[in-house]
C-alpha cells in the first residue's frame, strides 16, 4: 500500500464512496479505509434511493467500490487506530494492522452508533423487524401491527409518523411518564393504542418478531417495532484530530452527538471534512451520498487553491532558482520552517514544474563511501526523488528517506516501486528544522543539504549525528563553492569546509573517528544540458563502539 495520498477517506459507506468517486474523477490519489461493517448491513434493502430502490446494502457498496477503483481509487480493509496532524501539513493515520498512511486531506464518513434500549431480543432484530425510519422501512411493513417503543419525548411524534403506514399501531411507554394530555388526545384521535407497562422482552416466531411481552405477562402482537435510538458520531481513533462535536437537536430535543461541519462538510479542523451520519444522525442513504459528493468537491477545490498558491510562490521565486539547477542527484532539501521563500511550497512547485529534476542515480560520493558497508538501517536526509535511498535499498539496507517536498516523495515512491524495493523504504515528509525522523541508524547520509533560505543546518547535522548507533557512519557531503565558469548568483553565500562541519557538530571527545575529510572535483550536467565541473567536499565519521 502506498503511504502518501491526496485524500484519505475513512469509512466506505455511501458517503465515503461517493466522496471518493468525486475525487477520483477529479484525478486525485484517494485511499478509502473501511472496516466492512456498514450500519445498514442487517437491512434487506436500501429505499428512497432513486434508480436503486430496494438494492441490498452490500450490493450497493460493492458497486460503489467497483466504480471508485475504476477511477484509480484504492480501498483497504481496516480501521484507524490513531490520527494526527503533521507539522509540515497533512495527516498521518495508523491503521489497526500497524500500517501507516499519510494524506493531504481527510474525509470522515465513519457513520454513527445507535444506542439501543436494553430490551431482551431487541438487538438481535435490529435492522430487520426492529426499525428506526418509516421512510426507509415503512412500506415493507404497511398495514401490519406495528409497535412504537418510547425512548423519550419524541415518542409521540414517532407514533403519529408511523400511523401513515398502518392503522394497527401501539405506543409502548415502557416506563416513560412524560406523556401530556394534549398528546394523549392526538394519539386517541388517530386510533393509536397506548400501553404504559414496561416491556420485558420481544417474542419471536421462527426468528421473526411476533409480539411484545409486558411485565404483567401479556403479549401484544407486533410484526414490527419502531425505536427512536440516540445516535453518536463514530469517532474512535480520531481523538488526535481535535474534532469539534455538538448535540444534534430534533423538534427541540437532543437526539445524539454529531461532528460539527459547515454547509460543504468542512469540520473545525483545517484539512478535515466529514459527511453522512457522522454529521447528520438522521440522514438517509441518498442524502449521505449527496453529502459525500459535496464534501469531495470542496476538498478538491481546497487542494486546487493550495496548488495555486504553491505555483505562484514558485513563479515568484523562479529568478533565484538557477543557482541550484546544476546540482546533481538531490542537492536541495530546504529544512527551514517554511516561513521563507524556499520552504515546502517552493520545493513542491519546483518538483511539480518538471517530470524529473535529478538524474535518478545515487550521489557518487555516497557510492564511494557506503559501498563497502554492511547493510543495516539507513537514514537519507534530503532524499529528493530517491536516487540515494533506492540505491541503498537495492543493496539490502532498510532506509528511512526524508524530504520537505511531498511531490518529491510521491515521485520517489513510484521509482522505488518500479525498482521493486518499495518494501525496504519508509518515505517521510519532514521540514528538518522542525521535525526529524525517529530511530537509530547504522548509516546517516546528508548529501548536499544546502538551502538558499535560512536553514539551521548545524543543528540538523548534530541531530543526525545523535541518531548514529555505535559503530555506525555519518556521511556529510556538500558543495565547496559555485560551479567553475558560471555566474555567482549569491556572492555572500558561504560553503562550509569539512573542518567547519566537524567543529559545528560539537562531538564528544574520543567518541568519533574521522574516516575522510577532503575536497574533490566532480563533473555534472545541468538541466539545460551543459556540462561543467564543480568542487565538493565530504566528511565521513564513524562512531566508536
Protein backbone atom coordinates (compact mmCIF):
# COMPACT_ATOMS: atom_id res chain seq x y z
CA UNK A 1 0.00 0.00 0.00
CA UNK A 2 1.41 3.39 -1.00
CA UNK A 3 1.61 5.65 2.03
CA UNK A 4 1.00 9.15 0.62
CA UNK A 5 -2.34 10.23 -0.84
CA UNK A 6 -4.08 13.45 -1.75
CA UNK A 7 -7.08 12.35 0.32
CA UNK A 8 -7.76 9.53 2.76
CA UNK A 9 -11.45 8.67 3.16
CA UNK A 10 -12.22 7.00 6.48
CA UNK A 11 -15.37 4.94 6.06
CA UNK A 12 -16.61 3.19 2.93
CA UNK A 13 -20.38 3.62 3.11
CA UNK A 14 -22.50 5.70 0.75
CA UNK A 15 -20.97 8.98 1.91
CA UNK A 16 -17.35 7.83 1.83
CA UNK A 17 -17.55 6.05 -1.53
CA UNK A 18 -19.43 8.95 -3.13
CA UNK A 19 -16.79 11.39 -1.93
CA UNK A 20 -14.03 9.08 -3.16
CA UNK A 21 -15.75 8.76 -6.53
CA UNK A 22 -15.93 12.53 -6.96
CA UNK A 23 -12.27 12.88 -6.00
CA UNK A 24 -11.17 10.03 -8.24
CA UNK A 25 -12.92 11.65 -11.18
CA UNK A 26 -11.02 14.81 -10.26
CA UNK A 27 -7.78 12.81 -10.78
CA UNK A 28 -6.85 12.76 -7.10
CA UNK A 29 -4.96 9.95 -5.39
CA UNK A 30 -7.58 8.60 -3.00
CA UNK A 31 -7.49 5.84 -0.39
CA UNK A 32 -10.69 4.54 1.24
CA UNK A 33 -10.23 2.87 4.63
CA UNK A 34 -13.24 0.76 5.54
CA UNK A 35 -13.83 -1.81 8.27
CA UNK A 36 -16.55 -3.53 6.22
CA UNK A 37 -19.27 -3.20 8.88
CA UNK A 38 -21.93 -0.84 7.46
CA UNK A 39 -24.63 0.32 9.84
CA UNK A 40 -27.41 -0.79 7.48
CA UNK A 41 -26.00 -4.27 6.78
CA UNK A 42 -28.90 -6.10 8.53
CA UNK A 43 -31.48 -4.38 6.32
CA UNK A 44 -32.93 -6.27 3.35
CA UNK A 45 -32.73 -3.27 1.05
CA UNK A 46 -31.92 0.42 0.64
CA UNK A 47 -35.01 2.54 -0.01
CA UNK A 48 -35.83 6.02 -1.31
CA UNK A 49 -32.58 5.87 -3.33
CA UNK A 50 -33.54 6.93 -6.85
CA UNK A 51 -32.87 4.27 -9.53
CA UNK A 52 -31.57 1.80 -6.93
CA UNK A 53 -34.77 1.26 -4.94
CA UNK A 54 -34.61 -1.89 -2.81
CA UNK A 55 -31.00 -2.75 -3.64
CA UNK A 56 -29.36 -4.81 -0.85
CA UNK A 57 -26.93 -2.58 1.12
CA UNK A 58 -23.88 -4.73 0.47
CA UNK A 59 -24.67 -4.93 -3.23
CA UNK A 60 -24.84 -1.12 -3.40
CA UNK A 61 -21.47 -0.81 -1.66
CA UNK A 62 -19.86 -3.43 -3.90
CA UNK A 63 -20.98 -1.47 -6.96
CA UNK A 64 -19.66 1.72 -5.39
CA UNK A 65 -16.28 0.15 -4.67
CA UNK A 66 -16.05 -1.01 -8.27
CA UNK A 67 -16.74 2.50 -9.52
CA UNK A 68 -14.19 4.10 -7.15
CA UNK A 69 -11.39 1.72 -8.15
CA UNK A 70 -12.33 2.26 -11.79
CA UNK A 71 -11.13 5.85 -11.41
CA UNK A 72 -7.87 4.87 -9.71
CA UNK A 73 -9.06 4.95 -6.09
CA UNK A 74 -7.64 2.41 -3.67
CA UNK A 75 -9.60 0.60 -0.96
CA UNK A 76 -8.14 -1.14 2.07
CA UNK A 77 -9.99 -3.11 4.74
CA UNK A 78 -9.23 -1.85 8.23
CA UNK A 79 -9.91 0.87 10.75
CA UNK A 80 -7.96 3.84 12.03
CA UNK A 81 -6.24 3.32 15.38
CA UNK A 82 -4.73 6.81 15.68
CA UNK A 83 -4.80 10.01 13.64
CA UNK A 84 -2.64 13.11 13.94
CA UNK A 85 -1.82 16.30 12.08
CA UNK A 86 1.72 16.53 10.71
CA UNK A 87 3.81 19.60 11.48
CA UNK A 88 4.55 20.15 7.81
CA UNK A 89 0.88 19.83 6.79
CA UNK A 90 -1.30 16.84 6.07
CA UNK A 91 -2.15 13.93 8.33
CA UNK A 92 -0.73 10.60 9.45
CA UNK A 93 -3.05 7.65 10.13
CA UNK A 94 -2.01 4.43 11.86
CA UNK A 95 -4.34 1.57 10.99
CA UNK A 96 -5.30 -1.33 13.25
CA UNK A 97 -2.79 -3.60 11.47
CA UNK A 98 0.06 -1.17 12.20
CA UNK A 99 0.38 0.20 8.66
CA UNK A 100 0.83 3.95 8.25
CA UNK A 101 -0.92 6.23 5.77
CA UNK A 102 -0.26 9.91 5.11
CA UNK A 103 -2.67 12.19 3.28
CA UNK A 104 -3.00 15.86 2.49
CA UNK A 105 -6.72 15.92 3.36
CA UNK A 106 -9.18 13.70 5.24
CA UNK A 107 -12.83 12.89 4.59
CA UNK A 108 -14.53 11.32 7.59
CA UNK A 109 -17.50 9.12 6.68
CA UNK A 110 -17.45 6.85 9.71
CA UNK A 111 -21.19 6.95 10.39
CA UNK A 112 -22.84 6.80 13.79
CA UNK A 113 -23.51 4.31 16.57
CA UNK A 114 -27.05 3.61 17.76
CA UNK A 115 -27.75 3.33 21.49
CA UNK A 116 -30.34 0.55 21.64
CA UNK A 117 -32.72 0.08 24.58
CA UNK A 118 -31.78 -2.85 26.78
CA UNK A 119 -34.86 -4.92 25.97
CA UNK A 120 -34.03 -8.64 25.60
CA UNK A 121 -34.27 -9.74 21.98
CA UNK A 122 -34.24 -6.22 20.53
CA UNK A 123 -30.60 -6.04 19.39
CA UNK A 124 -30.88 -9.35 17.52
CA UNK A 125 -33.73 -7.98 15.37
CA UNK A 126 -32.24 -4.54 14.79
CA UNK A 127 -32.49 -3.55 11.15
CA UNK A 128 -34.86 -6.39 10.31
CA UNK A 129 -38.05 -6.25 12.39
CA UNK A 130 -36.84 -3.56 14.81
CA UNK A 131 -36.76 -0.37 12.76
CA UNK A 132 -35.98 3.31 13.15
CA UNK A 133 -37.11 5.13 9.99
CA UNK A 134 -40.54 4.84 8.33
CA UNK A 135 -39.21 6.32 5.09
CA UNK A 136 -36.63 3.54 4.98
CA UNK A 137 -38.85 0.64 6.07
CA UNK A 138 -42.49 1.75 6.38
CA UNK A 139 -43.70 0.44 3.03
CA UNK A 140 -42.37 -3.06 3.77
CA UNK A 141 -44.46 -3.33 6.98
CA UNK A 142 -47.53 -1.38 5.84
CA UNK A 143 -50.90 -2.40 7.29
CA UNK A 144 -49.26 -4.78 9.78
CA UNK A 145 -49.39 -4.48 13.60
CA UNK A 146 -46.57 -2.07 14.45
CA UNK A 147 -45.32 -1.14 17.90
CA UNK A 148 -43.52 2.07 18.93
CA UNK A 149 -41.12 1.69 21.85
CA UNK A 150 -40.86 5.01 23.67
CA UNK A 151 -37.33 6.17 24.47
CA UNK A 152 -38.08 9.83 25.27
CA UNK A 153 -40.08 12.93 24.37
CA UNK A 154 -40.06 12.21 20.62
CA UNK A 155 -42.11 9.02 21.06
CA UNK A 156 -45.43 10.70 20.25
CA UNK A 157 -44.08 12.32 17.11
CA UNK A 158 -42.72 8.94 16.04
CA UNK A 159 -46.07 7.21 16.66
CA UNK A 160 -48.02 9.83 14.68
CA UNK A 161 -45.49 9.50 11.85
CA UNK A 162 -45.75 5.70 11.65
CA UNK A 163 -49.56 5.99 11.60
CA UNK A 164 -49.19 6.89 7.91
CA UNK A 165 -48.22 3.29 7.15
CA UNK A 166 -50.55 1.31 9.42
CA UNK A 167 -53.77 1.79 11.39
CA UNK A 168 -52.79 -1.04 13.76
CA UNK A 169 -50.37 0.89 15.98
CA UNK A 170 -49.42 0.59 19.67
CA UNK A 171 -47.24 3.01 21.62
CA UNK A 172 -45.37 1.21 24.42
CA UNK A 173 -44.42 3.83 27.03
CA UNK A 174 -42.07 1.32 28.73
CA UNK A 175 -41.92 3.37 31.91
CA UNK A 176 -41.74 6.79 30.23
CA UNK A 177 -44.01 9.21 32.14
CA UNK A 178 -43.78 12.33 30.03
CA UNK A 179 -46.99 11.87 28.05
CA UNK A 180 -49.12 15.03 28.18
CA UNK A 181 -52.92 15.31 27.98
CA UNK A 182 -52.83 17.01 24.56
CA UNK A 183 -50.62 14.21 23.24
CA UNK A 184 -52.98 11.56 24.61
CA UNK A 185 -55.79 13.26 22.73
CA UNK A 186 -53.77 13.26 19.50
CA UNK A 187 -52.99 9.56 19.84
CA UNK A 188 -56.60 8.70 20.60
CA UNK A 189 -57.82 10.74 17.64
CA UNK A 190 -55.53 8.76 15.35
CA UNK A 191 -56.55 5.42 16.83
CA UNK A 192 -53.15 4.66 18.35
CA UNK A 193 -53.27 2.45 21.45
CA UNK A 194 -51.13 3.38 24.46
CA UNK A 195 -49.62 0.75 26.81
CA UNK A 196 -48.00 2.05 30.00
CA UNK A 197 -46.46 -1.23 31.32
CA UNK A 198 -42.78 -1.94 30.91
CA UNK A 199 -41.65 -4.20 28.12
CA UNK A 200 -39.79 -7.28 29.36
CA UNK A 201 -38.79 -8.90 26.05
CA UNK A 202 -39.56 -9.32 22.38
CA UNK A 203 -41.30 -12.52 21.30
CA UNK A 204 -40.16 -14.23 18.10
CA UNK A 205 -41.60 -16.99 15.96
CA UNK A 206 -39.23 -18.76 13.59
CA UNK A 207 -36.75 -15.94 14.02
CA UNK A 208 -39.19 -13.09 13.23
CA UNK A 209 -40.88 -10.67 15.61
CA UNK A 210 -44.37 -11.81 16.61
CA UNK A 211 -45.08 -9.89 19.79
CA UNK A 212 -44.04 -7.60 22.65
CA UNK A 213 -44.22 -9.14 26.12
CA UNK A 214 -45.11 -6.91 29.09
CA UNK A 215 -44.15 -7.22 32.74
CA UNK A 216 -47.66 -8.47 33.60
CA UNK A 217 -47.06 -11.44 31.29
CA UNK A 218 -49.34 -10.34 28.50
CA UNK A 219 -48.04 -10.27 24.91
CA UNK A 220 -49.18 -7.68 22.36
CA UNK A 221 -48.98 -8.92 18.73
CA UNK A 222 -46.44 -6.99 16.65
CA UNK A 223 -44.77 -7.64 13.31
CA UNK A 224 -42.51 -4.60 13.53
CA UNK A 225 -41.22 -2.44 16.35
CA UNK A 226 -40.07 1.14 15.75
CA UNK A 227 -37.42 2.60 18.07
CA UNK A 228 -36.04 6.14 18.07
CA UNK A 229 -32.46 5.46 19.09
CA UNK A 230 -30.00 8.02 20.34
CA UNK A 231 -27.03 8.26 17.98
CA UNK A 232 -23.39 9.15 18.47
CA UNK A 233 -20.89 10.04 15.77
CA UNK A 234 -18.37 7.23 15.31
CA UNK A 235 -15.01 8.90 16.04
CA UNK A 236 -12.98 6.04 17.51
CA UNK A 237 -9.29 6.51 16.72
CA UNK A 238 -9.77 10.15 15.68
CA UNK A 239 -9.22 11.84 19.06
CA UNK A 240 -5.84 13.18 17.93
CA UNK A 241 -7.52 15.41 15.33
CA UNK A 242 -9.32 17.57 17.91
CA UNK A 243 -12.71 17.44 16.17
CA UNK A 244 -15.49 19.68 17.44
CA UNK A 245 -18.78 17.91 18.22
CA UNK A 246 -22.23 19.12 19.21
CA UNK A 247 -25.65 17.88 20.24
CA UNK A 248 -27.99 17.35 17.31
CA UNK A 249 -31.48 18.62 18.09
CA UNK A 250 -34.73 17.35 16.60
CA UNK A 251 -38.07 19.01 17.45
CA UNK A 252 -36.43 20.73 20.40
CA UNK A 253 -34.83 17.60 21.87
CA UNK A 254 -31.33 16.15 21.69
CA UNK A 255 -31.12 13.02 19.55
CA UNK A 256 -27.37 12.45 19.88
CA UNK A 257 -23.90 13.84 19.24
CA UNK A 258 -22.54 14.66 15.78
CA UNK A 259 -19.37 16.15 14.32
CA UNK A 260 -19.80 19.85 13.61
CA UNK A 261 -19.47 20.82 9.92
CA UNK A 262 -20.36 23.71 7.65
CA UNK A 263 -22.61 23.53 4.59
CA UNK A 264 -19.85 21.90 2.49
CA UNK A 265 -18.83 19.39 5.15
CA UNK A 266 -15.74 21.20 6.49
CA UNK A 267 -15.06 20.44 10.16
CA UNK A 268 -13.44 22.78 12.69
CA UNK A 269 -10.07 21.16 11.86
CA UNK A 270 -8.40 22.62 8.74
CA UNK A 271 -7.97 19.94 6.10
CA UNK A 272 -10.67 17.64 7.51
CA UNK A 273 -14.16 17.22 6.04
CA UNK A 274 -16.98 14.92 7.14
CA UNK A 275 -20.16 13.59 5.50
CA UNK A 276 -23.01 11.22 6.19
CA UNK A 277 -24.37 10.07 9.54
CA UNK A 278 -21.22 11.19 11.36
CA UNK A 279 -22.51 14.76 10.79
CA UNK A 280 -26.28 14.15 10.49
CA UNK A 281 -27.68 11.33 12.60
CA UNK A 282 -30.97 11.17 10.68
CA UNK A 283 -29.60 11.30 7.13
CA UNK A 284 -30.77 8.61 4.75
CA UNK A 285 -28.51 6.75 2.31
CA UNK A 286 -29.25 9.00 -0.64
CA UNK A 287 -28.63 12.15 1.41
CA UNK A 288 -25.38 10.71 2.75
CA UNK A 289 -24.21 10.00 -0.79
CA UNK A 290 -25.01 13.57 -1.82
CA UNK A 291 -23.14 14.94 1.20
CA UNK A 292 -20.12 12.82 0.23
CA UNK A 293 -20.07 14.24 -3.30
CA UNK A 294 -20.41 17.78 -1.93
CA UNK A 295 -17.53 17.28 0.51
CA UNK A 296 -15.39 15.67 -2.19
CA UNK A 297 -15.86 18.69 -4.44
CA UNK A 298 -14.96 21.04 -1.56
CA UNK A 299 -11.80 19.06 -0.83
CA UNK A 300 -10.73 19.18 -4.47
CA UNK A 301 -11.31 22.95 -4.53
CA UNK A 302 -9.20 23.34 -1.40
CA UNK A 303 -6.37 21.32 -2.93
CA UNK A 304 -6.54 23.41 -6.10
CA UNK A 305 -6.27 26.59 -4.03
CA UNK A 306 -3.20 25.22 -2.25
CA UNK A 307 -1.59 24.12 -5.51
CA UNK A 308 -2.21 27.56 -6.98
CA UNK A 309 -0.52 29.24 -4.01
CA UNK A 310 2.42 26.90 -4.44
CA UNK A 311 2.65 27.64 -8.15
CA UNK A 312 2.55 31.38 -7.52
CA UNK A 313 5.29 31.10 -4.91
CA UNK A 314 7.42 29.10 -7.32
CA UNK A 315 6.74 31.59 -10.10
CA UNK A 316 7.87 34.48 -7.90
CA UNK A 317 10.97 32.59 -6.76
CA UNK A 318 11.86 31.37 -10.26
CA UNK A 319 14.52 34.04 -10.77
CA UNK A 320 16.55 32.69 -7.86
CA UNK A 321 16.15 29.05 -8.84
CA UNK A 322 19.05 28.76 -11.32
CA UNK A 323 21.63 28.69 -8.52
CA UNK A 324 20.62 25.12 -7.75
CA UNK A 325 19.64 23.82 -11.19
CA UNK A 326 23.10 22.38 -11.92
CA UNK A 327 23.25 20.26 -8.78
CA UNK A 328 23.06 16.52 -9.47
CA UNK A 329 21.09 13.80 -7.65
CA UNK A 330 19.17 15.67 -4.91
CA UNK A 331 21.19 18.68 -3.77
CA UNK A 332 18.44 20.77 -2.37
CA UNK A 333 16.49 19.83 0.76
CA UNK A 334 15.30 23.06 2.35
CA UNK A 335 14.73 22.30 6.02
CA UNK A 336 13.66 25.74 7.16
CA UNK A 337 10.32 26.08 8.94
CA UNK A 338 8.55 27.10 5.74
CA UNK A 339 8.26 30.80 6.55
CA UNK A 340 10.80 31.95 3.91
CA UNK A 341 10.56 31.76 0.10
CA UNK A 342 12.38 28.42 -0.04
CA UNK A 343 10.16 26.24 2.13
CA UNK A 344 7.78 23.41 1.34
CA UNK A 345 5.70 25.33 -1.21
CA UNK A 346 8.81 26.33 -3.17
CA UNK A 347 10.14 22.78 -3.39
CA UNK A 348 6.76 21.25 -4.19
CA UNK A 349 6.31 23.72 -7.02
CA UNK A 350 9.83 23.16 -8.27
CA UNK A 351 9.40 19.40 -8.47
CA UNK A 352 5.92 19.72 -9.95
CA UNK A 353 7.25 22.03 -12.67
CA UNK A 354 9.15 19.15 -14.35
CA UNK A 355 8.56 15.40 -14.64
CA UNK A 356 12.13 14.81 -13.33
CA UNK A 357 14.76 17.15 -11.88
CA UNK A 358 17.67 14.94 -10.86
CA UNK A 359 19.41 12.14 -12.74
CA UNK A 360 17.90 9.27 -10.75
CA UNK A 361 21.40 7.98 -9.99
CA UNK A 362 22.88 7.88 -6.47
CA UNK A 363 25.41 10.52 -5.47
CA UNK A 364 28.85 9.30 -6.44
CA UNK A 365 30.25 10.24 -3.03
CA UNK A 366 27.64 8.02 -1.31
CA UNK A 367 28.54 5.14 -3.63
CA UNK A 368 32.21 5.58 -2.81
CA UNK A 369 31.74 5.82 0.96
CA UNK A 370 28.93 3.31 1.55
CA UNK A 371 29.52 0.56 -0.99
CA UNK A 372 31.64 -1.47 1.43
CA UNK A 373 29.41 -1.07 4.49
CA UNK A 374 27.34 -3.93 5.90
CA UNK A 375 23.65 -3.16 5.17
CA UNK A 376 21.52 -2.25 8.17
CA UNK A 377 19.30 0.74 8.88
CA UNK A 378 19.98 3.91 6.89
CA UNK A 379 18.63 7.45 7.11
CA UNK A 380 18.75 9.58 3.95
CA UNK A 381 18.25 13.27 4.72
CA UNK A 382 17.05 15.38 1.80
CA UNK A 383 16.08 12.35 -0.25
CA UNK A 384 14.63 14.29 -3.20
CA UNK A 385 13.48 11.97 -5.98
CA UNK A 386 15.00 8.99 -4.18
CA UNK A 387 18.21 8.14 -6.08
CA UNK A 388 20.28 7.50 -2.94
CA UNK A 389 17.51 5.72 -0.98
CA UNK A 390 16.69 3.37 -3.86
CA UNK A 391 20.38 2.54 -4.38
CA UNK A 392 20.82 1.74 -0.67
CA UNK A 393 17.65 -0.38 -0.60
CA UNK A 394 18.96 -2.30 -3.59
CA UNK A 395 22.00 -3.24 -1.52
CA UNK A 396 19.81 -4.57 1.29
CA UNK A 397 19.54 -1.51 3.55
CA UNK A 398 16.29 -0.67 5.36
CA UNK A 399 16.01 3.01 4.52
CA UNK A 400 14.16 5.92 6.08
CA UNK A 401 14.11 8.68 3.46
CA UNK A 402 13.11 12.21 4.49
CA UNK A 403 12.41 15.28 2.36
CA UNK A 404 10.46 18.50 2.70
CA UNK A 405 8.58 18.01 -0.57
CA UNK A 406 5.58 15.72 -0.75
CA UNK A 407 5.74 15.91 -4.54
CA UNK A 408 9.32 14.61 -4.50
CA UNK A 409 8.41 11.83 -2.07
CA UNK A 410 5.49 10.68 -4.21
CA UNK A 411 7.76 10.61 -7.24
CA UNK A 412 10.45 8.73 -5.32
CA UNK A 413 7.94 6.16 -4.08
CA UNK A 414 6.94 5.49 -7.68
CA UNK A 415 10.58 4.98 -8.67
CA UNK A 416 11.10 2.63 -5.73
CA UNK A 417 8.10 0.57 -6.80
CA UNK A 418 9.49 0.33 -10.32
CA UNK A 419 12.81 -0.83 -8.85
CA UNK A 420 10.96 -3.37 -6.65
CA UNK A 421 12.46 -2.04 -3.42
CA UNK A 422 9.40 -0.16 -2.12
CA UNK A 423 9.05 -2.52 0.87
CA UNK A 424 12.53 -1.51 2.09
CA UNK A 425 11.99 2.27 2.14
CA UNK A 426 9.92 4.37 4.53
CA UNK A 427 9.27 7.75 2.86
CA UNK A 428 8.69 10.50 5.42
CA UNK A 429 7.94 14.20 4.89
CA UNK A 430 9.93 16.43 7.24
CA UNK A 431 10.89 20.05 7.44
CA UNK A 432 14.09 19.09 9.25
CA UNK A 433 14.30 22.42 11.03
CA UNK A 434 11.03 21.49 12.75
CA UNK A 435 10.78 17.69 12.84
CA UNK A 436 13.25 14.84 12.45
CA UNK A 437 12.75 11.12 11.70
CA UNK A 438 12.72 8.87 14.74
CA UNK A 439 15.04 5.90 15.19
CA UNK A 440 18.72 4.90 15.29
CA UNK A 441 20.74 4.02 12.22
CA UNK A 442 23.94 2.33 11.08
CA UNK A 443 24.26 4.96 8.34
CA UNK A 444 23.06 8.55 8.26
CA UNK A 445 23.61 10.35 4.96
CA UNK A 446 23.23 14.11 4.46
CA UNK A 447 24.31 14.73 0.87
CA UNK A 448 24.12 18.36 -0.30
CA UNK A 449 21.87 19.53 2.49
CA UNK A 450 22.03 23.17 1.38
CA UNK A 451 19.44 25.90 1.21
CA UNK A 452 19.16 29.38 -0.21
CA UNK A 453 16.93 30.13 2.78
CA UNK A 454 17.59 30.30 6.49
CA UNK A 455 18.12 26.64 7.40
CA UNK A 456 19.52 25.53 10.81
CA UNK A 457 21.97 23.15 9.10
CA UNK A 458 24.38 22.80 12.04
CA UNK A 459 21.58 21.86 14.43
CA UNK A 460 20.14 19.38 11.93
CA UNK A 461 23.53 17.70 11.48
CA UNK A 462 24.02 17.47 15.26
CA UNK A 463 20.64 15.69 15.46
CA UNK A 464 21.77 13.44 12.62
CA UNK A 465 24.95 12.51 14.50
CA UNK A 466 22.95 11.65 17.60
CA UNK A 467 20.91 9.18 15.52
CA UNK A 468 24.00 7.12 14.57
CA UNK A 469 24.45 3.93 16.60
CA UNK A 470 27.88 2.90 17.96
CA UNK A 471 29.84 1.51 15.04
CA UNK A 472 27.68 3.42 12.57
CA UNK A 473 28.69 6.02 9.99
CA UNK A 474 27.73 9.67 9.43
CA UNK A 475 28.28 10.97 5.90
CA UNK A 476 28.03 14.71 5.18
CA UNK A 477 28.68 15.83 1.59
CA UNK A 478 28.35 19.39 0.36
CA UNK A 479 29.45 21.96 -2.15
CA UNK A 480 32.79 23.74 -1.71
CA UNK A 481 31.83 26.63 -3.99
CA UNK A 482 29.90 27.71 -7.07
CA UNK A 483 30.42 25.83 -10.36
CA UNK A 484 33.53 26.87 -12.22
CA UNK A 485 32.97 29.34 -15.04
CA UNK A 486 29.39 30.25 -14.08
CA UNK A 487 27.99 33.46 -12.70
CA UNK A 488 27.69 33.64 -8.92
CA UNK A 489 24.01 34.30 -8.09
CA UNK A 490 24.57 34.83 -4.33
CA UNK A 491 28.05 36.32 -3.74
CA UNK A 492 27.63 36.28 0.04
CA UNK A 493 26.85 32.56 0.31
CA UNK A 494 29.24 30.52 2.46
CA UNK A 495 30.04 26.85 1.80
CA UNK A 496 31.47 25.24 4.98
CA UNK A 497 34.67 23.20 4.82
CA UNK A 498 34.83 19.67 6.26
CA UNK A 499 36.64 21.06 9.31
CA UNK A 500 33.93 23.69 9.86
CA UNK A 501 31.28 20.98 9.64
CA UNK A 502 33.23 18.85 12.12
CA UNK A 503 33.60 21.75 14.55
CA UNK A 504 29.90 22.61 14.29
CA UNK A 505 28.93 19.02 15.18
CA UNK A 506 30.37 19.54 18.70
CA UNK A 507 31.08 15.82 19.04
CA UNK A 508 32.24 14.39 22.39
CA UNK A 509 35.99 13.94 22.52
CA UNK A 510 37.13 10.42 21.68
CA UNK A 511 33.68 9.17 20.66
CA UNK A 512 34.08 9.57 16.89
CA UNK A 513 36.70 8.60 14.30
CA UNK A 514 37.26 10.72 11.17
CA UNK A 515 37.39 8.39 8.14
CA UNK A 516 37.56 11.07 5.47
CA UNK A 517 37.62 14.89 5.39
CA UNK A 518 38.56 16.28 1.97
CA UNK A 519 37.57 18.26 -1.08
CA UNK A 520 37.15 16.72 -4.53
CA UNK A 521 36.06 17.72 -8.01
CA UNK A 522 33.24 16.14 -9.95
CA UNK A 523 31.61 16.63 -13.29
CA UNK A 524 27.93 17.45 -13.62
CA UNK A 525 25.31 18.05 -16.27
CA UNK A 526 22.93 20.96 -15.73
CA UNK A 527 19.23 20.91 -16.50
CA UNK A 528 19.97 22.85 -19.68
CA UNK A 529 22.31 20.06 -20.83
CA UNK A 530 25.52 21.98 -20.23
CA UNK A 531 28.41 20.07 -18.69
CA UNK A 532 30.66 21.52 -16.04
CA UNK A 533 32.96 20.89 -13.10
CA UNK A 534 32.48 21.88 -9.50
CA UNK A 535 34.27 21.37 -6.18
CA UNK A 536 32.57 19.47 -3.40
CA UNK A 537 33.66 18.17 -0.04
CA UNK A 538 32.96 15.21 2.19
CA UNK A 539 33.16 14.42 5.89
CA UNK A 540 32.81 10.74 6.85
CA UNK A 541 32.77 9.81 10.53
CA UNK A 542 32.41 6.53 12.39
CA UNK A 543 31.00 6.40 15.89
CA UNK A 544 33.23 4.29 18.07
CA UNK A 545 31.55 1.22 19.56
